[in-house]
Amino acid sequence: MVIRVFIASSSGFVAIKKKQQDVVRFLEANKIEFEEVDITMSEEQRQWMYKNIPPEKKPAQGNPLPPQIFNGDRYCGDYDSFFESKESNTVFSFLGLKSRLASTVHYRPFGTHSRYDDS
């Protein structure tokens, strides 16, 4: 599944733009495959997003604001949930992805090979 970030490209709210940028930058920096879905360009996508956010995650009044994050059709959360997962280092779990292990550096035992070897 691919991560889908529902955004509003024409939002006049600076806070929303910053939140959207934060999510996108994080995904790009961590080389996580994702697609941006602009709800201002597609009424169908906007309605899909509203319909697929669980009722308990919707605001008491009005519509949910972007960014909203999905893994395929599975709702992951909004920006606040994303931020909390980032702070607790659980973003991969939040996104429903397998955690990536930190790359390991393999060290050779001293004296096994160096640039000074004649080989």
PDB file of N, CA and C in Angstrom:
ATOM      1  N   MET A   1       0.839  -1.189   0.000  1.00  0.00           N
ATOM      2  CA  MET A   1       0.000   0.000   0.000  1.00  0.00           C
ATOM      3  C   MET A   1       0.880   1.247   0.000  1.00  0.00           C
ATOM      4  N   VAL A   2       0.353   2.280  -0.565  1.00  0.00           N
ATOM      5  CA  VAL A   2       1.087   3.540  -0.598  1.00  0.00           C
ATOM      6  C   VAL A   2       0.448   4.512   0.395  1.00  0.00           C
ATOM      7  N   ILE A   3       1.295   5.309   0.999  1.00  0.00           N
ATOM      8  CA  ILE A   3       0.820   6.330   1.925  1.00  0.00           C
ATOM      9  C   ILE A   3       0.209   7.451   1.093  1.00  0.00           C
ATOM     10  N   ARG A   4      -0.969   7.875   1.499  1.00  0.00           N
ATOM     11  CA  ARG A   4      -1.644   8.993   0.819  1.00  0.00           C
ATOM     12  C   ARG A   4      -1.833  10.115   1.818  1.00  0.00           C
ATOM     13  N   VAL A   5      -1.352  11.293   1.441  1.00  0.00           N
ATOM     14  CA  VAL A   5      -1.476  12.470   2.286  1.00  0.00           C
ATOM     15  C   VAL A   5      -2.459  13.411   1.601  1.00  0.00           C
ATOM     16  N   PHE A   6      -3.593  13.604   2.245  1.00  0.00           N
ATOM     17  CA  PHE A   6      -4.614  14.501   1.702  1.00  0.00           C
ATOM     18  C   PHE A   6      -4.280  15.919   2.146  1.00  0.00           C
ATOM     19  N   ILE A   7      -4.088  16.776   1.151  1.00  0.00           N
ATOM     20  CA  ILE A   7      -3.682  18.160   1.397  1.00  0.00           C
ATOM     21  C   ILE A   7      -4.671  19.115   0.727  1.00  0.00           C
ATOM     22  N   ALA A   8      -4.499  20.395   1.036  1.00  0.00           N
ATOM     23  CA  ALA A   8      -5.260  21.454   0.366  1.00  0.00           C
ATOM     24  C   ALA A   8      -4.241  22.461  -0.151  1.00  0.00           C
ATOM     25  N   SER A   9      -3.971  22.400  -1.445  1.00  0.00           N
ATOM     26  CA  SER A   9      -2.935  23.259  -2.031  1.00  0.00           C
ATOM     27  C   SER A   9      -3.292  24.736  -1.978  1.00  0.00           C
ATOM     28  N   SER A  10      -4.565  25.039  -1.955  1.00  0.00           N
ATOM     29  CA  SER A  10      -4.960  26.450  -1.973  1.00  0.00           C
ATOM     30  C   SER A  10      -5.434  26.951  -0.616  1.00  0.00           C
ATOM     31  N   SER A  11      -4.985  26.290   0.439  1.00  0.00           N
ATOM     32  CA  SER A  11      -5.381  26.733   1.777  1.00  0.00           C
ATOM     33  C   SER A  11      -4.780  28.096   2.070  1.00  0.00           C
ATOM     34  N   GLY A  12      -5.576  28.968   2.637  1.00  0.00           N
ATOM     35  CA  GLY A  12      -5.105  30.289   3.013  1.00  0.00           C
ATOM     36  C   GLY A  12      -4.526  30.316   4.414  1.00  0.00           C
ATOM     37  N   PHE A  13      -4.573  29.193   5.109  1.00  0.00           N
ATOM     38  CA  PHE A  13      -4.089  29.125   6.479  1.00  0.00           C
ATOM     39  C   PHE A  13      -2.626  28.693   6.499  1.00  0.00           C
ATOM     40  N   VAL A  14      -1.772  29.552   7.023  1.00  0.00           N
ATOM     41  CA  VAL A  14      -0.345  29.256   7.093  1.00  0.00           C
ATOM     42  C   VAL A  14      -0.089  28.014   7.938  1.00  0.00           C
ATOM     43  N   ALA A  15      -0.829  27.850   9.030  1.00  0.00           N
ATOM     44  CA  ALA A  15      -0.631  26.690   9.913  1.00  0.00           C
ATOM     45  C   ALA A  15      -0.884  25.381   9.166  1.00  0.00           C
ATOM     46  N   ILE A  16      -1.921  25.344   8.349  1.00  0.00           N
ATOM     47  CA  ILE A  16      -2.228  24.131   7.579  1.00  0.00           C
ATOM     48  C   ILE A  16      -1.110  23.861   6.577  1.00  0.00           C
ATOM     49  N   LYS A  17      -0.641  24.898   5.895  1.00  0.00           N
ATOM     50  CA  LYS A  17       0.441  24.722   4.926  1.00  0.00           C
ATOM     51  C   LYS A  17       1.699  24.183   5.595  1.00  0.00           C
ATOM     52  N   LYS A  18       2.031  24.702   6.774  1.00  0.00           N
ATOM     53  CA  LYS A  18       3.223  24.245   7.489  1.00  0.00           C
ATOM     54  C   LYS A  18       3.079  22.785   7.915  1.00  0.00           C
ATOM     55  N   LYS A  19       1.902  22.406   8.376  1.00  0.00           N
ATOM     56  CA  LYS A  19       1.664  21.016   8.782  1.00  0.00           C
ATOM     57  C   LYS A  19       1.788  20.082   7.585  1.00  0.00           C
ATOM     58  N   GLN A  20       1.222  20.481   6.457  1.00  0.00           N
ATOM     59  CA  GLN A  20       1.312  19.670   5.241  1.00  0.00           C
ATOM     60  C   GLN A  20       2.771  19.510   4.830  1.00  0.00           C
ATOM     61  N   GLN A  21       3.515  20.607   4.857  1.00  0.00           N
ATOM     62  CA  GLN A  21       4.927  20.568   4.483  1.00  0.00           C
ATOM     63  C   GLN A  21       5.727  19.681   5.429  1.00  0.00           C
ATOM     64  N   ASP A  22       5.408  19.728   6.709  1.00  0.00           N
ATOM     65  CA  ASP A  22       6.110  18.915   7.700  1.00  0.00           C
ATOM     66  C   ASP A  22       5.941  17.429   7.395  1.00  0.00           C
ATOM     67  N   VAL A  23       4.715  17.010   7.103  1.00  0.00           N
ATOM     68  CA  VAL A  23       4.448  15.604   6.787  1.00  0.00           C
ATOM     69  C   VAL A  23       5.185  15.203   5.514  1.00  0.00           C
ATOM     70  N   VAL A  24       5.053  16.000   4.469  1.00  0.00           N
ATOM     71  CA  VAL A  24       5.670  15.684   3.180  1.00  0.00           C
ATOM     72  C   VAL A  24       7.195  15.635   3.303  1.00  0.00           C
ATOM     73  N   ARG A  25       7.776  16.596   3.986  1.00  0.00           N
ATOM     74  CA  ARG A  25       9.238  16.606   4.148  1.00  0.00           C
ATOM     75  C   ARG A  25       9.726  15.378   4.906  1.00  0.00           C
ATOM     76  N   PHE A  26       8.997  14.988   5.939  1.00  0.00           N
ATOM     77  CA  PHE A  26       9.384  13.811   6.707  1.00  0.00           C
ATOM     78  C   PHE A  26       9.368  12.569   5.819  1.00  0.00           C
ATOM     79  N   LEU A  27       8.297  12.406   5.046  1.00  0.00           N
ATOM     80  CA  LEU A  27       8.178  11.244   4.168  1.00  0.00           C
ATOM     81  C   LEU A  27       9.287  11.233   3.119  1.00  0.00           C
ATOM     82  N   GLU A  28       9.564  12.391   2.540  1.00  0.00           N
ATOM     83  CA  GLU A  28      10.633  12.488   1.538  1.00  0.00           C
ATOM     84  C   GLU A  28      11.989  12.182   2.163  1.00  0.00           C
ATOM     85  N   ALA A  29      12.265  12.758   3.327  1.00  0.00           N
ATOM     86  CA  ALA A  29      13.554  12.563   3.985  1.00  0.00           C
ATOM     87  C   ALA A  29      13.785  11.101   4.356  1.00  0.00           C
ATOM     88  N   ASN A  30      12.709  10.394   4.661  1.00  0.00           N
ATOM     89  CA  ASN A  30      12.825   8.990   5.045  1.00  0.00           C
ATOM     90  C   ASN A  30      12.566   8.035   3.884  1.00  0.00           C
ATOM     91  N   LYS A  31      12.486   8.604   2.681  1.00  0.00           N
ATOM     92  CA  LYS A  31      12.291   7.824   1.451  1.00  0.00           C
ATOM     93  C   LYS A  31      11.098   6.873   1.560  1.00  0.00           C
ATOM     94  N   ILE A  32      10.013   7.404   2.107  1.00  0.00           N
ATOM     95  CA  ILE A  32       8.767   6.657   2.220  1.00  0.00           C
ATOM     96  C   ILE A  32       7.911   7.012   1.015  1.00  0.00           C
ATOM     97  N   GLU A  33       7.503   6.000   0.257  1.00  0.00           N
ATOM     98  CA  GLU A  33       6.690   6.235  -0.931  1.00  0.00           C
ATOM     99  C   GLU A  33       5.329   6.791  -0.510  1.00  0.00           C
ATOM    100  N   PHE A  34       4.918   7.862  -1.154  1.00  0.00           N
ATOM    101  CA  PHE A  34       3.623   8.465  -0.828  1.00  0.00           C
ATOM    102  C   PHE A  34       3.108   9.228  -2.026  1.00  0.00           C
ATOM    103  N   GLU A  35       1.829   9.555  -1.952  1.00  0.00           N
ATOM    104  CA  GLU A  35       1.253  10.435  -2.963  1.00  0.00           C
ATOM    105  C   GLU A  35       0.456  11.515  -2.246  1.00  0.00           C
ATOM    106  N   GLU A  36       0.512  12.703  -2.800  1.00  0.00           N
ATOM    107  CA  GLU A  36      -0.287  13.798  -2.288  1.00  0.00           C
ATOM    108  C   GLU A  36      -1.607  13.809  -3.040  1.00  0.00           C
ATOM    109  N   VAL A  37      -2.687  13.943  -2.300  1.00  0.00           N
ATOM    110  CA  VAL A  37      -4.013  14.016  -2.897  1.00  0.00           C
ATOM    111  C   VAL A  37      -4.571  15.388  -2.533  1.00  0.00           C
ATOM    112  N   ASP A  38      -4.730  16.221  -3.530  1.00  0.00           N
ATOM    113  CA  ASP A  38      -5.182  17.596  -3.309  1.00  0.00           C
ATOM    114  C   ASP A  38      -6.708  17.649  -3.302  1.00  0.00           C
ATOM    115  N   ILE A  39      -7.282  17.847  -2.125  1.00  0.00           N
ATOM    116  CA  ILE A  39      -8.742  17.848  -2.011  1.00  0.00           C
ATOM    117  C   ILE A  39      -9.377  19.109  -2.588  1.00  0.00           C
ATOM    118  N   THR A  40      -8.569  20.126  -2.874  1.00  0.00           N
ATOM    119  CA  THR A  40      -9.140  21.326  -3.490  1.00  0.00           C
ATOM    120  C   THR A  40      -9.320  21.143  -4.997  1.00  0.00           C
ATOM    121  N   MET A  41      -8.694  20.110  -5.551  1.00  0.00           N
ATOM    122  CA  MET A  41      -8.769  19.879  -6.991  1.00  0.00           C
ATOM    123  C   MET A  41      -9.752  18.770  -7.359  1.00  0.00           C
ATOM    124  N   SER A  42     -10.227  18.026  -6.341  1.00  0.00           N
ATOM    125  CA  SER A  42     -11.104  16.901  -6.643  1.00  0.00           C
ATOM    126  C   SER A  42     -12.171  16.751  -5.558  1.00  0.00           C
ATOM    127  N   GLU A  43     -13.387  17.075  -5.926  1.00  0.00           N
ATOM    128  CA  GLU A  43     -14.511  16.915  -4.997  1.00  0.00           C
ATOM    129  C   GLU A  43     -14.674  15.448  -4.607  1.00  0.00           C
ATOM    130  N   GLU A  44     -14.442  14.559  -5.560  1.00  0.00           N
ATOM    131  CA  GLU A  44     -14.564  13.130  -5.292  1.00  0.00           C
ATOM    132  C   GLU A  44     -13.560  12.685  -4.225  1.00  0.00           C
ATOM    133  N   GLN A  45     -12.316  13.136  -4.335  1.00  0.00           N
ATOM    134  CA  GLN A  45     -11.284  12.783  -3.341  1.00  0.00           C
ATOM    135  C   GLN A  45     -11.593  13.407  -1.976  1.00  0.00           C
ATOM    136  N   ARG A  46     -12.088  14.625  -1.985  1.00  0.00           N
ATOM    137  CA  ARG A  46     -12.444  15.292  -0.724  1.00  0.00           C
ATOM    138  C   ARG A  46     -13.547  14.512  -0.015  1.00  0.00           C
ATOM    139  N   GLN A  47     -14.563  14.115  -0.756  1.00  0.00           N
ATOM    140  CA  GLN A  47     -15.659  13.341  -0.174  1.00  0.00           C
ATOM    141  C   GLN A  47     -15.174  11.979   0.315  1.00  0.00           C
ATOM    142  N   TRP A  48     -14.273  11.362  -0.449  1.00  0.00           N
ATOM    143  CA  TRP A  48     -13.717  10.072  -0.034  1.00  0.00           C
ATOM    144  C   TRP A  48     -12.990  10.224   1.305  1.00  0.00           C
ATOM    145  N   MET A  49     -12.187  11.281   1.408  1.00  0.00           N
ATOM    146  CA  MET A  49     -11.442  11.517   2.646  1.00  0.00           C
ATOM    147  C   MET A  49     -12.405  11.692   3.825  1.00  0.00           C
ATOM    148  N   TYR A  50     -13.406  12.550   3.654  1.00  0.00           N
ATOM    149  CA  TYR A  50     -14.367  12.792   4.740  1.00  0.00           C
ATOM    150  C   TYR A  50     -15.071  11.499   5.153  1.00  0.00           C
ATOM    151  N   LYS A  51     -15.467  10.710   4.175  1.00  0.00           N
ATOM    152  CA  LYS A  51     -16.212   9.480   4.431  1.00  0.00           C
ATOM    153  C   LYS A  51     -15.366   8.431   5.155  1.00  0.00           C
ATOM    154  N   ASN A  52     -14.054   8.416   4.905  1.00  0.00           N
ATOM    155  CA  ASN A  52     -13.194   7.364   5.428  1.00  0.00           C
ATOM    156  C   ASN A  52     -12.433   7.727   6.705  1.00  0.00           C
ATOM    157  N   ILE A  53     -12.684   8.888   7.238  1.00  0.00           N
ATOM    158  CA  ILE A  53     -12.138   9.227   8.550  1.00  0.00           C
ATOM    159  C   ILE A  53     -13.119   8.685   9.582  1.00  0.00           C
ATOM    160  N   PRO A  54     -12.635   7.874  10.534  1.00  0.00           N
ATOM    161  CA  PRO A  54     -13.543   7.297  11.529  1.00  0.00           C
ATOM    162  C   PRO A  54     -14.316   8.385  12.289  1.00  0.00           C
ATOM    163  N   PRO A  55     -15.578   8.129  12.611  1.00  0.00           N
ATOM    164  CA  PRO A  55     -16.409   9.140  13.282  1.00  0.00           C
ATOM    165  C   PRO A  55     -15.769   9.716  14.541  1.00  0.00           C
ATOM    166  N   GLU A  56     -15.068   8.873  15.313  1.00  0.00           N
ATOM    167  CA  GLU A  56     -14.468   9.358  16.556  1.00  0.00           C
ATOM    168  C   GLU A  56     -13.275  10.285  16.314  1.00  0.00           C
ATOM    169  N   LYS A  57     -12.783  10.342  15.086  1.00  0.00           N
ATOM    170  CA  LYS A  57     -11.648  11.201  14.742  1.00  0.00           C
ATOM    171  C   LYS A  57     -12.087  12.512  14.081  1.00  0.00           C
ATOM    172  N   LYS A  58     -13.384  12.637  13.816  1.00  0.00           N
ATOM    173  CA  LYS A  58     -13.897  13.844  13.169  1.00  0.00           C
ATOM    174  C   LYS A  58     -14.140  14.930  14.215  1.00  0.00           C
ATOM    175  N   PRO A  59     -13.962  16.184  13.837  1.00  0.00           N
ATOM    176  CA  PRO A  59     -14.231  17.271  14.787  1.00  0.00           C
ATOM    177  C   PRO A  59     -15.721  17.364  15.106  1.00  0.00           C
ATOM    178  N   ALA A  60     -16.028  17.905  16.273  1.00  0.00           N
ATOM    179  CA  ALA A  60     -17.426  18.054  16.689  1.00  0.00           C
ATOM    180  C   ALA A  60     -18.186  18.947  15.710  1.00  0.00           C
ATOM    181  N   GLN A  61     -17.504  19.953  15.194  1.00  0.00           N
ATOM    182  CA  GLN A  61     -18.132  20.861  14.226  1.00  0.00           C
ATOM    183  C   GLN A  61     -17.231  20.996  13.003  1.00  0.00           C
ATOM    184  N   GLY A  62     -17.847  21.127  11.867  1.00  0.00           N
ATOM    185  CA  GLY A  62     -17.094  21.328  10.634  1.00  0.00           C
ATOM    186  C   GLY A  62     -16.499  20.043  10.096  1.00  0.00           C
ATOM    187  N   ASN A  63     -15.651  20.192   9.105  1.00  0.00           N
ATOM    188  CA  ASN A  63     -15.007  19.060   8.456  1.00  0.00           C
ATOM    189  C   ASN A  63     -13.564  18.913   8.935  1.00  0.00           C
ATOM    190  N   PRO A  64     -13.009  17.708   8.846  1.00  0.00           N
ATOM    191  CA  PRO A  64     -11.605  17.510   9.202  1.00  0.00           C
ATOM    192  C   PRO A  64     -10.705  18.330   8.279  1.00  0.00           C
ATOM    193  N   LEU A  65      -9.669  18.909   8.845  1.00  0.00           N
ATOM    194  CA  LEU A  65      -8.747  19.726   8.067  1.00  0.00           C
ATOM    195  C   LEU A  65      -7.539  18.903   7.629  1.00  0.00           C
ATOM    196  N   PRO A  66      -6.986  19.236   6.480  1.00  0.00           N
ATOM    197  CA  PRO A  66      -5.766  18.564   6.047  1.00  0.00           C
ATOM    198  C   PRO A  66      -4.583  19.028   6.915  1.00  0.00           C
ATOM    199  N   PRO A  67      -3.522  18.267   6.948  1.00  0.00           N
ATOM    200  CA  PRO A  67      -3.333  16.999   6.257  1.00  0.00           C
ATOM    201  C   PRO A  67      -3.988  15.840   6.999  1.00  0.00           C
ATOM    202  N   GLN A  68      -4.513  14.909   6.227  1.00  0.00           N
ATOM    203  CA  GLN A  68      -5.050  13.645   6.735  1.00  0.00           C
ATOM    204  C   GLN A  68      -4.246  12.547   6.047  1.00  0.00           C
ATOM    205  N   ILE A  69      -3.885  11.527   6.795  1.00  0.00           N
ATOM    206  CA  ILE A  69      -2.950  10.527   6.294  1.00  0.00           C
ATOM    207  C   ILE A  69      -3.604   9.144   6.283  1.00  0.00           C
ATOM    208  N   PHE A  70      -3.449   8.467   5.161  1.00  0.00           N
ATOM    209  CA  PHE A  70      -3.982   7.112   4.980  1.00  0.00           C
ATOM    210  C   PHE A  70      -2.871   6.212   4.457  1.00  0.00           C
ATOM    211  N   ASN A  71      -2.966   4.939   4.782  1.00  0.00           N
ATOM    212  CA  ASN A  71      -2.136   3.911   4.151  1.00  0.00           C
ATOM    213  C   ASN A  71      -3.108   3.094   3.316  1.00  0.00           C
ATOM    214  N   GLY A  72      -3.124   3.354   2.020  1.00  0.00           N
ATOM    215  CA  GLY A  72      -4.152   2.756   1.165  1.00  0.00           C
ATOM    216  C   GLY A  72      -5.501   3.297   1.605  1.00  0.00           C
ATOM    217  N   ASP A  73      -6.399   2.393   1.999  1.00  0.00           N
ATOM    218  CA  ASP A  73      -7.720   2.804   2.477  1.00  0.00           C
ATOM    219  C   ASP A  73      -7.793   2.894   3.996  1.00  0.00           C
ATOM    220  N   ARG A  74      -6.694   2.548   4.673  1.00  0.00           N
ATOM    221  CA  ARG A  74      -6.685   2.558   6.140  1.00  0.00           C
ATOM    222  C   ARG A  74      -6.284   3.930   6.663  1.00  0.00           C
ATOM    223  N   TYR A  75      -7.130   4.475   7.523  1.00  0.00           N
ATOM    224  CA  TYR A  75      -6.865   5.789   8.107  1.00  0.00           C
ATOM    225  C   TYR A  75      -5.750   5.685   9.137  1.00  0.00           C
ATOM    226  N   CYS A  76      -4.738   6.524   8.989  1.00  0.00           N
ATOM    227  CA  CYS A  76      -3.642   6.575   9.958  1.00  0.00           C
ATOM    228  C   CYS A  76      -3.897   7.665  10.991  1.00  0.00           C
ATOM    229  N   GLY A  77      -4.232   8.866  10.507  1.00  0.00           N
ATOM    230  CA  GLY A  77      -4.493   9.949  11.438  1.00  0.00           C
ATOM    231  C   GLY A  77      -4.300  11.317  10.808  1.00  0.00           C
ATOM    232  N   ASP A  78      -4.425  12.314  11.660  1.00  0.00           N
ATOM    233  CA  ASP A  78      -4.259  13.703  11.233  1.00  0.00           C
ATOM    234  C   ASP A  78      -2.855  14.174  11.616  1.00  0.00           C
ATOM    235  N   TYR A  79      -2.620  15.466  11.463  1.00  0.00           N
ATOM    236  CA  TYR A  79      -1.288  15.984  11.749  1.00  0.00           C
ATOM    237  C   TYR A  79      -0.911  15.798  13.215  1.00  0.00           C
ATOM    238  N   ASP A  80      -1.838  16.044  14.127  1.00  0.00           N
ATOM    239  CA  ASP A  80      -1.516  15.926  15.552  1.00  0.00           C
ATOM    240  C   ASP A  80      -1.081  14.499  15.894  1.00  0.00           C
ATOM    241  N   SER A  81      -1.763  13.509  15.340  1.00  0.00           N
ATOM    242  CA  SER A  81      -1.389  12.107  15.567  1.00  0.00           C
ATOM    243  C   SER A  81      -0.023  11.814  14.947  1.00  0.00           C
ATOM    244  N   PHE A  82       0.208  12.350  13.755  1.00  0.00           N
ATOM    245  CA  PHE A  82       1.495  12.188  13.087  1.00  0.00           C
ATOM    246  C   PHE A  82       2.610  12.789  13.937  1.00  0.00           C
ATOM    247  N   PHE A  83       2.385  14.002  14.430  1.00  0.00           N
ATOM    248  CA  PHE A  83       3.395  14.693  15.227  1.00  0.00           C
ATOM    249  C   PHE A  83       3.711  13.906  16.499  1.00  0.00           C
ATOM    250  N   GLU A  84       2.678  13.402  17.165  1.00  0.00           N
ATOM    251  CA  GLU A  84       2.885  12.603  18.375  1.00  0.00           C
ATOM    252  C   GLU A  84       3.707  11.353  18.071  1.00  0.00           C
ATOM    253  N   SER A  85       3.418  10.699  16.941  1.00  0.00           N
ATOM    254  CA  SER A  85       4.170   9.492  16.585  1.00  0.00           C
ATOM    255  C   SER A  85       5.615   9.839  16.241  1.00  0.00           C
ATOM    256  N   LYS A  86       5.824  11.002  15.646  1.00  0.00           N
ATOM    257  CA  LYS A  86       7.177  11.437  15.324  1.00  0.00           C
ATOM    258  C   LYS A  86       7.969  11.691  16.613  1.00  0.00           C
ATOM    259  N   GLU A  87       7.326  12.335  17.565  1.00  0.00           N
ATOM    260  CA  GLU A  87       7.976  12.639  18.838  1.00  0.00           C
ATOM    261  C   GLU A  87       8.306  11.374  19.632  1.00  0.00           C
ATOM    262  N   SER A  88       7.468  10.350  19.506  1.00  0.00           N
ATOM    263  CA  SER A  88       7.695   9.109  20.249  1.00  0.00           C
ATOM    264  C   SER A  88       8.429   8.055  19.408  1.00  0.00           C
ATOM    265  N   ASN A  89       8.904   8.478  18.233  1.00  0.00           N
ATOM    266  CA  ASN A  89       9.665   7.607  17.334  1.00  0.00           C
ATOM    267  C   ASN A  89       8.889   6.347  16.936  1.00  0.00           C
ATOM    268  N   THR A  90       7.594   6.533  16.651  1.00  0.00           N
ATOM    269  CA  THR A  90       6.739   5.407  16.245  1.00  0.00           C
ATOM    270  C   THR A  90       6.042   5.687  14.913  1.00  0.00           C
ATOM    271  N   VAL A  91       6.650   6.499  14.068  1.00  0.00           N
ATOM    272  CA  VAL A  91       6.006   6.902  12.812  1.00  0.00           C
ATOM    273  C   VAL A  91       5.723   5.714  11.905  1.00  0.00           C
ATOM    274  N   PHE A  92       6.660   4.766  11.820  1.00  0.00           N
ATOM    275  CA  PHE A  92       6.435   3.629  10.925  1.00  0.00           C
ATOM    276  C   PHE A  92       5.223   2.829  11.380  1.00  0.00           C
ATOM    277  N   SER A  93       5.084   2.647  12.676  1.00  0.00           N
ATOM    278  CA  SER A  93       3.909   1.963  13.214  1.00  0.00           C
ATOM    279  C   SER A  93       2.644   2.771  12.924  1.00  0.00           C
ATOM    280  N   PHE A  94       2.704   4.078  13.144  1.00  0.00           N
ATOM    281  CA  PHE A  94       1.585   4.982  12.865  1.00  0.00           C
ATOM    282  C   PHE A  94       1.138   4.849  11.410  1.00  0.00           C
ATOM    283  N   LEU A  95       2.102   4.757  10.510  1.00  0.00           N
ATOM    284  CA  LEU A  95       1.802   4.662   9.081  1.00  0.00           C
ATOM    285  C   LEU A  95       1.438   3.244   8.648  1.00  0.00           C
ATOM    286  N   GLY A  96       1.568   2.294   9.548  1.00  0.00           N
ATOM    287  CA  GLY A  96       1.273   0.906   9.197  1.00  0.00           C
ATOM    288  C   GLY A  96       2.357   0.281   8.339  1.00  0.00           C
ATOM    289  N   LEU A  97       3.586   0.744   8.529  1.00  0.00           N
ATOM    290  CA  LEU A  97       4.720   0.235   7.763  1.00  0.00           C
ATOM    291  C   LEU A  97       5.638  -0.559   8.672  1.00  0.00           C
ATOM    292  N   LYS A  98       6.402  -1.452   8.066  1.00  0.00           N
ATOM    293  CA  LYS A  98       7.412  -2.173   8.832  1.00  0.00           C
ATOM    294  C   LYS A  98       8.519  -1.198   9.188  1.00  0.00           C
ATOM    295  N   SER A  99       8.971  -1.294  10.402  1.00  0.00           N
ATOM    296  CA  SER A  99      10.038  -0.414  10.869  1.00  0.00           C
ATOM    297  C   SER A  99      11.315  -0.716  10.110  1.00  0.00           C
ATOM    298  N   ARG A 100      12.039   0.317   9.796  1.00  0.00           N
ATOM    299  CA  ARG A 100      13.317   0.137   9.121  1.00  0.00           C
ATOM    300  C   ARG A 100      14.407   0.090  10.175  1.00  0.00           C
ATOM    301  N   LEU A 101      15.218  -0.914  10.077  1.00  0.00           N
ATOM    302  CA  LEU A 101      16.335  -1.013  11.000  1.00  0.00           C
ATOM    303  C   LEU A 101      17.417  -0.049  10.550  1.00  0.00           C
ATOM    304  N   ALA A 102      18.074   0.535  11.516  1.00  0.00           N
ATOM    305  CA  ALA A 102      19.171   1.438  11.175  1.00  0.00           C
ATOM    306  C   ALA A 102      20.238   0.627  10.448  1.00  0.00           C
ATOM    307  N   SER A 103      20.807   1.236   9.461  1.00  0.00           N
ATOM    308  CA  SER A 103      21.830   0.509   8.721  1.00  0.00           C
ATOM    309  C   SER A 103      23.023   0.258   9.636  1.00  0.00           C
ATOM    310  N   THR A 104      23.596  -0.904   9.494  1.00  0.00           N
ATOM    311  CA  THR A 104      24.719  -1.250  10.355  1.00  0.00           C
ATOM    312  C   THR A 104      26.004  -1.073   9.575  1.00  0.00           C
ATOM    313  N   VAL A 105      27.012  -0.634  10.269  1.00  0.00           N
ATOM    314  CA  VAL A 105      28.321  -0.468   9.667  1.00  0.00           C
ATOM    315  C   VAL A 105      29.126  -1.697  10.048  1.00  0.00           C
ATOM    316  N   HIS A 106      29.717  -2.336   9.084  1.00  0.00           N
ATOM    317  CA  HIS A 106      30.522  -3.520   9.337  1.00  0.00           C
ATOM    318  C   HIS A 106      31.987  -3.110   9.432  1.00  0.00           C
ATOM    319  N   TYR A 107      32.574  -3.391  10.568  1.00  0.00           N
ATOM    320  CA  TYR A 107      33.975  -3.068  10.778  1.00  0.00           C
ATOM    321  C   TYR A 107      34.804  -4.329  10.606  1.00  0.00           C
ATOM    322  N   ARG A 108      35.953  -4.179   9.977  1.00  0.00           N
ATOM    323  CA  ARG A 108      36.872  -5.303   9.840  1.00  0.00           C
ATOM    324  C   ARG A 108      37.766  -5.323  11.068  1.00  0.00           C
ATOM    325  N   PRO A 109      38.057  -6.504  11.547  1.00  0.00           N
ATOM    326  CA  PRO A 109      38.989  -6.580  12.678  1.00  0.00           C
ATOM    327  C   PRO A 109      40.317  -5.941  12.301  1.00  0.00           C
ATOM    328  N   PHE A 110      40.965  -5.353  13.261  1.00  0.00           N
ATOM    329  CA  PHE A 110      42.223  -4.658  13.026  1.00  0.00           C
ATOM    330  C   PHE A 110      43.227  -5.573  12.340  1.00  0.00           C
ATOM    331  N   GLY A 111      43.818  -5.065  11.294  1.00  0.00           N
ATOM    332  CA  GLY A 111      44.881  -5.801  10.614  1.00  0.00           C
ATOM    333  C   GLY A 111      44.419  -6.754   9.531  1.00  0.00           C
ATOM    334  N   THR A 112      43.115  -6.882   9.282  1.00  0.00           N
ATOM    335  CA  THR A 112      42.667  -7.855   8.279  1.00  0.00           C
ATOM    336  C   THR A 112      42.819  -7.330   6.864  1.00  0.00           C
ATOM    337  N   HIS A 113      42.723  -6.048   6.664  1.00  0.00           N
ATOM    338  CA  HIS A 113      42.882  -5.504   5.331  1.00  0.00           C
ATOM    339  C   HIS A 113      42.956  -3.977   5.484  1.00  0.00           C
ATOM    340  N   SER A 114      43.874  -3.404   4.778  1.00  0.00           N
ATOM    341  CA  SER A 114      43.962  -1.942   4.783  1.00  0.00           C
ATOM    342  C   SER A 114      44.466  -1.483   3.438  1.00  0.00           C
ATOM    343  N   ARG A 115      44.487  -0.231   3.227  1.00  0.00           N
ATOM    344  CA  ARG A 115      44.945   0.287   1.944  1.00  0.00           C
ATOM    345  C   ARG A 115      46.467   0.120   1.782  1.00  0.00           C
ATOM    346  N   TYR A 116      47.126  -0.228   2.871  1.00  0.00           N
ATOM    347  CA  TYR A 116      48.565  -0.415   2.809  1.00  0.00           C
ATOM    348  C   TYR A 116      48.961  -1.846   2.516  1.00  0.00           C
ATOM    349  N   ASP A 117      47.975  -2.758   2.417  1.00  0.00           N
ATOM    350  CA  ASP A 117      48.289  -4.151   2.102  1.00  0.00           C
ATOM    351  C   ASP A 117      48.866  -4.243   0.696  1.00  0.00           C
ATOM    352  N   ASP A 118      49.726  -5.209   0.490  1.00  0.00           N
ATOM    353  CA  ASP A 118      50.321  -5.424  -0.828  1.00  0.00           C
ATOM    354  C   ASP A 118      49.415  -6.244  -1.741  1.00  0.00           C
ATOM    355  N   SER A 119      48.295  -6.710  -1.262  1.00  0.00           N
ATOM    356  CA  SER A 119      47.439  -7.572  -2.058  1.00  0.00           C
ATOM    357  C   SER A 119      46.654  -6.843  -3.080  1.00  0.00           C
TER     358      SER A 119
END
